[in-house]
């Protein structure tokens, strides 16, 4: 695995994470949690797949999701 691969994975984490609604700080925490950007990218991809699956189930009437709060509190605000 080349350093450029890791750099590219890190950049993709921020790009993809932003599309999923994560802040830069949250993505940094995910990278710290998983240990590297490639694992974080895999995590974000799996999260998107599961979210898509849940939306399909909700649209089919098989799942009822609670409404999201207007603002998700930061861990430091709780």
PDB file of N, CA and C in Angstrom:
ATOM      1  N   UNK A   1       0.848  -1.168   0.000  1.00  0.00           N
ATOM      2  CA  UNK A   1       0.000   0.000   0.000  1.00  0.00           C
ATOM      3  C   UNK A   1       0.899   1.238   0.000  1.00  0.00           C
ATOM      4  N   UNK A   2       0.728   2.060  -0.984  1.00  0.00           N
ATOM      5  CA  UNK A   2       1.553   3.250  -1.127  1.00  0.00           C
ATOM      6  C   UNK A   2       0.977   4.405  -0.305  1.00  0.00           C
ATOM      7  N   UNK A   3       1.841   5.329   0.036  1.00  0.00           N
ATOM      8  CA  UNK A   3       1.405   6.515   0.765  1.00  0.00           C
ATOM      9  C   UNK A   3       0.372   7.312   0.001  1.00  0.00           C
ATOM     10  N   UNK A   4       0.485   7.304  -1.325  1.00  0.00           N
ATOM     11  CA  UNK A   4      -0.487   8.042  -2.132  1.00  0.00           C
ATOM     12  C   UNK A   4      -1.879   7.407  -2.028  1.00  0.00           C
ATOM     13  N   UNK A   5      -1.933   6.068  -1.859  1.00  0.00           N
ATOM     14  CA  UNK A   5      -3.225   5.397  -1.675  1.00  0.00           C
ATOM     15  C   UNK A   5      -3.894   5.844  -0.380  1.00  0.00           C
ATOM     16  N   UNK A   6      -3.089   5.964   0.666  1.00  0.00           N
ATOM     17  CA  UNK A   6      -3.619   6.401   1.955  1.00  0.00           C
ATOM     18  C   UNK A   6      -4.078   7.849   1.878  1.00  0.00           C
ATOM     19  N   UNK A   7      -3.303   8.687   1.211  1.00  0.00           N
ATOM     20  CA  UNK A   7      -3.690  10.092   1.042  1.00  0.00           C
ATOM     21  C   UNK A   7      -4.985  10.212   0.251  1.00  0.00           C
ATOM     22  N   UNK A   8      -5.111   9.406  -0.790  1.00  0.00           N
ATOM     23  CA  UNK A   8      -6.326   9.434  -1.603  1.00  0.00           C
ATOM     24  C   UNK A   8      -7.525   8.934  -0.794  1.00  0.00           C
ATOM     25  N   UNK A   9      -7.333   7.883  -0.006  1.00  0.00           N
ATOM     26  CA  UNK A   9      -8.415   7.359   0.834  1.00  0.00           C
ATOM     27  C   UNK A   9      -8.840   8.404   1.856  1.00  0.00           C
ATOM     28  N   UNK A  10      -7.883   9.113   2.417  1.00  0.00           N
ATOM     29  CA  UNK A  10      -8.192  10.175   3.398  1.00  0.00           C
ATOM     30  C   UNK A  10      -9.031  11.269   2.747  1.00  0.00           C
ATOM     31  N   UNK A  11      -8.643  11.701   1.559  1.00  0.00           N
ATOM     32  CA  UNK A  11      -9.398  12.733   0.846  1.00  0.00           C
ATOM     33  C   UNK A  11     -10.812  12.239   0.530  1.00  0.00           C
ATOM     34  N   UNK A  12     -10.923  10.980   0.130  1.00  0.00           N
ATOM     35  CA  UNK A  12     -12.246  10.415  -0.172  1.00  0.00           C
ATOM     36  C   UNK A  12     -13.105  10.302   1.084  1.00  0.00           C
ATOM     37  N   UNK A  13     -12.488  10.031   2.222  1.00  0.00           N
ATOM     38  CA  UNK A  13     -13.241   9.984   3.482  1.00  0.00           C
ATOM     39  C   UNK A  13     -13.933  11.318   3.735  1.00  0.00           C
ATOM     40  N   UNK A  14     -13.215  12.401   3.543  1.00  0.00           N
ATOM     41  CA  UNK A  14     -13.797  13.710   3.789  1.00  0.00           C
ATOM     42  C   UNK A  14     -14.864  14.051   2.748  1.00  0.00           C
ATOM     43  N   UNK A  15     -14.610  13.702   1.503  1.00  0.00           N
ATOM     44  CA  UNK A  15     -15.579  13.974   0.443  1.00  0.00           C
ATOM     45  C   UNK A  15     -16.853  13.154   0.648  1.00  0.00           C
ATOM     46  N   UNK A  16     -16.699  11.864   0.864  1.00  0.00           N
ATOM     47  CA  UNK A  16     -17.828  10.960   1.028  1.00  0.00           C
ATOM     48  C   UNK A  16     -18.538  11.220   2.357  1.00  0.00           C
ATOM     49  N   UNK A  17     -17.758  11.437   3.407  1.00  0.00           N
ATOM     50  CA  UNK A  17     -18.330  11.717   4.725  1.00  0.00           C
ATOM     51  C   UNK A  17     -19.176  12.973   4.727  1.00  0.00           C
ATOM     52  N   UNK A  18     -18.731  13.983   4.009  1.00  0.00           N
ATOM     53  CA  UNK A  18     -19.501  15.233   3.913  1.00  0.00           C
ATOM     54  C   UNK A  18     -20.852  14.965   3.259  1.00  0.00           C
ATOM     55  N   UNK A  19     -20.865  14.147   2.221  1.00  0.00           N
ATOM     56  CA  UNK A  19     -22.119  13.804   1.538  1.00  0.00           C
ATOM     57  C   UNK A  19     -23.062  13.023   2.459  1.00  0.00           C
ATOM     58  N   UNK A  20     -22.496  12.304   3.423  1.00  0.00           N
ATOM     59  CA  UNK A  20     -23.307  11.548   4.379  1.00  0.00           C
ATOM     60  C   UNK A  20     -23.713  12.391   5.592  1.00  0.00           C
ATOM     61  N   UNK A  21     -23.252  13.641   5.624  1.00  0.00           N
ATOM     62  CA  UNK A  21     -23.655  14.546   6.695  1.00  0.00           C
ATOM     63  C   UNK A  21     -22.700  14.641   7.865  1.00  0.00           C
ATOM     64  N   UNK A  22     -21.493  14.120   7.718  1.00  0.00           N
ATOM     65  CA  UNK A  22     -20.518  14.176   8.796  1.00  0.00           C
ATOM     66  C   UNK A  22     -19.660  15.434   8.681  1.00  0.00           C
ATOM     67  N   UNK A  23     -19.285  15.982   9.826  1.00  0.00           N
ATOM     68  CA  UNK A  23     -18.374  17.123   9.849  1.00  0.00           C
ATOM     69  C   UNK A  23     -16.940  16.619   9.716  1.00  0.00           C
ATOM     70  N   UNK A  24     -16.037  17.539   9.422  1.00  0.00           N
ATOM     71  CA  UNK A  24     -14.614  17.161   9.326  1.00  0.00           C
ATOM     72  C   UNK A  24     -14.111  16.587  10.641  1.00  0.00           C
ATOM     73  N   UNK A  25     -14.560  17.174  11.753  1.00  0.00           N
ATOM     74  CA  UNK A  25     -14.120  16.691  13.063  1.00  0.00           C
ATOM     75  C   UNK A  25     -14.598  15.259  13.304  1.00  0.00           C
ATOM     76  N   UNK A  26     -15.822  14.958  12.914  1.00  0.00           N
ATOM     77  CA  UNK A  26     -16.353  13.598  13.087  1.00  0.00           C
ATOM     78  C   UNK A  26     -15.590  12.601  12.214  1.00  0.00           C
ATOM     79  N   UNK A  27     -15.252  13.013  11.023  1.00  0.00           N
ATOM     80  CA  UNK A  27     -14.500  12.126  10.129  1.00  0.00           C
ATOM     81  C   UNK A  27     -13.103  11.870  10.698  1.00  0.00           C
ATOM     82  N   UNK A  28     -12.479  12.907  11.233  1.00  0.00           N
ATOM     83  CA  UNK A  28     -11.170  12.736  11.883  1.00  0.00           C
ATOM     84  C   UNK A  28     -11.281  11.728  13.023  1.00  0.00           C
ATOM     85  N   UNK A  29     -12.364  11.822  13.809  1.00  0.00           N
ATOM     86  CA  UNK A  29     -12.551  10.882  14.915  1.00  0.00           C
ATOM     87  C   UNK A  29     -12.741   9.464  14.393  1.00  0.00           C
ATOM     88  N   UNK A  30     -13.439   9.323  13.273  1.00  0.00           N
ATOM     89  CA  UNK A  30     -13.624   7.998  12.680  1.00  0.00           C
ATOM     90  C   UNK A  30     -12.290   7.416  12.231  1.00  0.00           C
ATOM     91  N   UNK A  31     -11.461   8.251  11.623  1.00  0.00           N
ATOM     92  CA  UNK A  31     -10.138   7.791  11.176  1.00  0.00           C
ATOM     93  C   UNK A  31      -9.313   7.358  12.381  1.00  0.00           C
ATOM     94  N   UNK A  32      -9.376   8.129  13.470  1.00  0.00           N
ATOM     95  CA  UNK A  32      -8.666   7.750  14.693  1.00  0.00           C
ATOM     96  C   UNK A  32      -9.213   6.436  15.251  1.00  0.00           C
ATOM     97  N   UNK A  33     -10.525   6.282  15.206  1.00  0.00           N
ATOM     98  CA  UNK A  33     -11.163   5.079  15.748  1.00  0.00           C
ATOM     99  C   UNK A  33     -10.792   3.831  14.948  1.00  0.00           C
ATOM    100  N   UNK A  34     -10.836   3.934  13.633  1.00  0.00           N
ATOM    101  CA  UNK A  34     -10.552   2.763  12.794  1.00  0.00           C
ATOM    102  C   UNK A  34      -9.058   2.513  12.636  1.00  0.00           C
ATOM    103  N   UNK A  35      -8.261   3.535  12.811  1.00  0.00           N
ATOM    104  CA  UNK A  35      -6.819   3.372  12.719  1.00  0.00           C
ATOM    105  C   UNK A  35      -6.208   3.805  11.406  1.00  0.00           C
ATOM    106  N   UNK A  36      -7.040   3.930  10.351  1.00  0.00           N
ATOM    107  CA  UNK A  36      -6.505   4.398   9.075  1.00  0.00           C
ATOM    108  C   UNK A  36      -7.651   4.814   8.142  1.00  0.00           C
ATOM    109  N   UNK A  37      -7.349   5.662   7.165  1.00  0.00           N
ATOM    110  CA  UNK A  37      -8.391   6.168   6.266  1.00  0.00           C
ATOM    111  C   UNK A  37      -9.041   5.102   5.386  1.00  0.00           C
ATOM    112  N   UNK A  38      -8.309   4.056   5.055  1.00  0.00           N
ATOM    113  CA  UNK A  38      -8.888   3.020   4.196  1.00  0.00           C
ATOM    114  C   UNK A  38     -10.001   2.288   4.950  1.00  0.00           C
ATOM    115  N   UNK A  39      -9.768   1.977   6.206  1.00  0.00           N
ATOM    116  CA  UNK A  39     -10.812   1.342   7.016  1.00  0.00           C
ATOM    117  C   UNK A  39     -11.990   2.283   7.219  1.00  0.00           C
ATOM    118  N   UNK A  40     -11.719   3.565   7.388  1.00  0.00           N
ATOM    119  CA  UNK A  40     -12.798   4.537   7.538  1.00  0.00           C
ATOM    120  C   UNK A  40     -13.621   4.623   6.266  1.00  0.00           C
ATOM    121  N   UNK A  41     -12.973   4.586   5.137  1.00  0.00           N
ATOM    122  CA  UNK A  41     -13.692   4.620   3.862  1.00  0.00           C
ATOM    123  C   UNK A  41     -14.587   3.396   3.728  1.00  0.00           C
ATOM    124  N   UNK A  42     -14.106   2.248   4.139  1.00  0.00           N
ATOM    125  CA  UNK A  42     -14.937   1.029   4.138  1.00  0.00           C
ATOM    126  C   UNK A  42     -16.130   1.197   5.071  1.00  0.00           C
ATOM    127  N   UNK A  43     -15.890   1.775   6.246  1.00  0.00           N
ATOM    128  CA  UNK A  43     -16.959   2.016   7.209  1.00  0.00           C
ATOM    129  C   UNK A  43     -18.020   2.949   6.627  1.00  0.00           C
ATOM    130  N   UNK A  44     -17.595   4.030   6.017  1.00  0.00           N
ATOM    131  CA  UNK A  44     -18.533   4.982   5.419  1.00  0.00           C
ATOM    132  C   UNK A  44     -19.334   4.342   4.287  1.00  0.00           C
ATOM    133  N   UNK A  45     -18.681   3.513   3.502  1.00  0.00           N
ATOM    134  CA  UNK A  45     -19.366   2.826   2.407  1.00  0.00           C
ATOM    135  C   UNK A  45     -20.429   1.881   2.948  1.00  0.00           C
ATOM    136  N   UNK A  46     -20.083   1.109   3.976  1.00  0.00           N
ATOM    137  CA  UNK A  46     -21.051   0.197   4.576  1.00  0.00           C
ATOM    138  C   UNK A  46     -22.195   0.953   5.243  1.00  0.00           C
ATOM    139  N   UNK A  47     -21.892   2.071   5.848  1.00  0.00           N
ATOM    140  CA  UNK A  47     -22.921   2.904   6.458  1.00  0.00           C
ATOM    141  C   UNK A  47     -23.909   3.391   5.406  1.00  0.00           C
ATOM    142  N   UNK A  48     -23.408   3.818   4.261  1.00  0.00           N
ATOM    143  CA  UNK A  48     -24.280   4.285   3.177  1.00  0.00           C
ATOM    144  C   UNK A  48     -25.160   3.156   2.646  1.00  0.00           C
ATOM    145  N   UNK A  49     -24.602   1.966   2.527  1.00  0.00           N
ATOM    146  CA  UNK A  49     -25.373   0.809   2.049  1.00  0.00           C
ATOM    147  C   UNK A  49     -26.508   0.499   3.027  1.00  0.00           C
ATOM    148  N   UNK A  50     -26.202   0.488   4.321  1.00  0.00           N
ATOM    149  CA  UNK A  50     -27.224   0.199   5.325  1.00  0.00           C
ATOM    150  C   UNK A  50     -28.287   1.297   5.370  1.00  0.00           C
ATOM    151  N   UNK A  51     -27.874   2.545   5.237  1.00  0.00           N
ATOM    152  CA  UNK A  51     -28.841   3.647   5.226  1.00  0.00           C
ATOM    153  C   UNK A  51     -29.781   3.514   4.032  1.00  0.00           C
ATOM    154  N   UNK A  52     -29.240   3.176   2.886  1.00  0.00           N
ATOM    155  CA  UNK A  52     -30.060   2.988   1.688  1.00  0.00           C
ATOM    156  C   UNK A  52     -31.056   1.846   1.908  1.00  0.00           C
ATOM    157  N   UNK A  53     -30.593   0.765   2.520  1.00  0.00           N
ATOM    158  CA  UNK A  53     -31.452  -0.385   2.799  1.00  0.00           C
ATOM    159  C   UNK A  53     -32.589   0.000   3.751  1.00  0.00           C
ATOM    160  N   UNK A  54     -32.277   0.793   4.756  1.00  0.00           N
ATOM    161  CA  UNK A  54     -33.298   1.219   5.709  1.00  0.00           C
ATOM    162  C   UNK A  54     -34.338   2.122   5.053  1.00  0.00           C
ATOM    163  N   UNK A  55     -33.906   2.992   4.171  1.00  0.00           N
ATOM    164  CA  UNK A  55     -34.844   3.863   3.456  1.00  0.00           C
ATOM    165  C   UNK A  55     -35.773   3.028   2.579  1.00  0.00           C
ATOM    166  N   UNK A  56     -35.226   2.032   1.910  1.00  0.00           N
ATOM    167  CA  UNK A  56     -36.067   1.156   1.079  1.00  0.00           C
ATOM    168  C   UNK A  56     -37.101   0.429   1.926  1.00  0.00           C
ATOM    169  N   UNK A  57     -36.701  -0.065   3.097  1.00  0.00           N
ATOM    170  CA  UNK A  57     -37.639  -0.739   3.992  1.00  0.00           C
ATOM    171  C   UNK A  57     -38.716   0.216   4.492  1.00  0.00           C
ATOM    172  N   UNK A  58     -38.319   1.433   4.811  1.00  0.00           N
ATOM    173  CA  UNK A  58     -39.297   2.425   5.271  1.00  0.00           C
ATOM    174  C   UNK A  58     -40.279   2.766   4.149  1.00  0.00           C
ATOM    175  N   UNK A  59     -39.777   2.956   2.943  1.00  0.00           N
ATOM    176  CA  UNK A  59     -40.645   3.278   1.810  1.00  0.00           C
ATOM    177  C   UNK A  59     -41.606   2.142   1.491  1.00  0.00           C
ATOM    178  N   UNK A  60     -41.199   0.904   1.784  1.00  0.00           N
ATOM    179  CA  UNK A  60     -42.056  -0.254   1.551  1.00  0.00           C
ATOM    180  C   UNK A  60     -43.028  -0.480   2.710  1.00  0.00           C
ATOM    181  N   UNK A  61     -42.941   0.348   3.750  1.00  0.00           N
ATOM    182  CA  UNK A  61     -43.832   0.218   4.897  1.00  0.00           C
ATOM    183  C   UNK A  61     -43.433  -0.874   5.867  1.00  0.00           C
ATOM    184  N   UNK A  62     -42.231  -1.392   5.749  1.00  0.00           N
ATOM    185  CA  UNK A  62     -41.777  -2.478   6.618  1.00  0.00           C
ATOM    186  C   UNK A  62     -40.983  -1.983   7.826  1.00  0.00           C
ATOM    187  N   UNK A  63     -40.705  -0.688   7.855  1.00  0.00           N
ATOM    188  CA  UNK A  63     -39.905  -0.111   8.923  1.00  0.00           C
ATOM    189  C   UNK A  63     -40.390   1.301   9.178  1.00  0.00           C
ATOM    190  N   UNK A  64     -40.495   1.681  10.443  1.00  0.00           N
ATOM    191  CA  UNK A  64     -40.887   3.039  10.800  1.00  0.00           C
ATOM    192  C   UNK A  64     -39.732   3.670  11.562  1.00  0.00           C
ATOM    193  N   UNK A  65     -39.082   4.646  10.933  1.00  0.00           N
ATOM    194  CA  UNK A  65     -37.951   5.327  11.555  1.00  0.00           C
ATOM    195  C   UNK A  65     -38.439   6.573  12.280  1.00  0.00           C
ATOM    196  N   UNK A  66     -37.850   6.883  13.443  1.00  0.00           N
ATOM    197  CA  UNK A  66     -38.233   8.126  14.124  1.00  0.00           C
ATOM    198  C   UNK A  66     -37.727   9.330  13.340  1.00  0.00           C
ATOM    199  N   UNK A  67     -38.419  10.427  13.485  1.00  0.00           N
ATOM    200  CA  UNK A  67     -37.981  11.659  12.821  1.00  0.00           C
ATOM    201  C   UNK A  67     -36.693  12.150  13.467  1.00  0.00           C
ATOM    202  N   UNK A  68     -35.794  12.645  12.661  1.00  0.00           N
ATOM    203  CA  UNK A  68     -34.507  13.149  13.148  1.00  0.00           C
ATOM    204  C   UNK A  68     -34.721  14.470  13.880  1.00  0.00           C
ATOM    205  N   UNK A  69     -33.946  14.706  14.944  1.00  0.00           N
ATOM    206  CA  UNK A  69     -34.041  16.002  15.621  1.00  0.00           C
ATOM    207  C   UNK A  69     -33.530  17.098  14.688  1.00  0.00           C
ATOM    208  N   UNK A  70     -33.950  18.328  14.911  1.00  0.00           N
ATOM    209  CA  UNK A  70     -33.488  19.412  14.028  1.00  0.00           C
ATOM    210  C   UNK A  70     -31.974  19.573  14.026  1.00  0.00           C
ATOM    211  N   UNK A  71     -31.336  19.306  15.166  1.00  0.00           N
ATOM    212  CA  UNK A  71     -29.874  19.381  15.248  1.00  0.00           C
ATOM    213  C   UNK A  71     -29.405  18.250  16.143  1.00  0.00           C
ATOM    214  N   UNK A  72     -28.477  17.460  15.648  1.00  0.00           N
ATOM    215  CA  UNK A  72     -27.914  16.386  16.453  1.00  0.00           C
ATOM    216  C   UNK A  72     -26.856  17.008  17.363  1.00  0.00           C
ATOM    217  N   UNK A  73     -27.020  16.868  18.685  1.00  0.00           N
ATOM    218  CA  UNK A  73     -26.052  17.512  19.590  1.00  0.00           C
ATOM    219  C   UNK A  73     -24.674  16.872  19.490  1.00  0.00           C
ATOM    220  N   UNK A  74     -23.671  17.699  19.639  1.00  0.00           N
ATOM    221  CA  UNK A  74     -22.300  17.215  19.659  1.00  0.00           C
ATOM    222  C   UNK A  74     -22.062  16.524  20.991  1.00  0.00           C
ATOM    223  N   UNK A  75     -21.157  15.593  21.039  1.00  0.00           N
ATOM    224  CA  UNK A  75     -20.866  14.850  22.264  1.00  0.00           C
ATOM    225  C   UNK A  75     -20.479  15.781  23.409  1.00  0.00           C
ATOM    226  N   UNK A  76     -19.878  16.917  23.097  1.00  0.00           N
ATOM    227  CA  UNK A  76     -19.455  17.863  24.122  1.00  0.00           C
ATOM    228  C   UNK A  76     -20.623  18.674  24.671  1.00  0.00           C
ATOM    229  N   UNK A  77     -21.747  18.693  23.945  1.00  0.00           N
ATOM    230  CA  UNK A  77     -22.909  19.483  24.361  1.00  0.00           C
ATOM    231  C   UNK A  77     -23.807  18.708  25.303  1.00  0.00           C
ATOM    232  N   UNK A  78     -23.647  17.399  25.405  1.00  0.00           N
ATOM    233  CA  UNK A  78     -24.546  16.575  26.228  1.00  0.00           C
ATOM    234  C   UNK A  78     -24.192  16.630  27.686  1.00  0.00           C
TER     235      UNK A  78
END
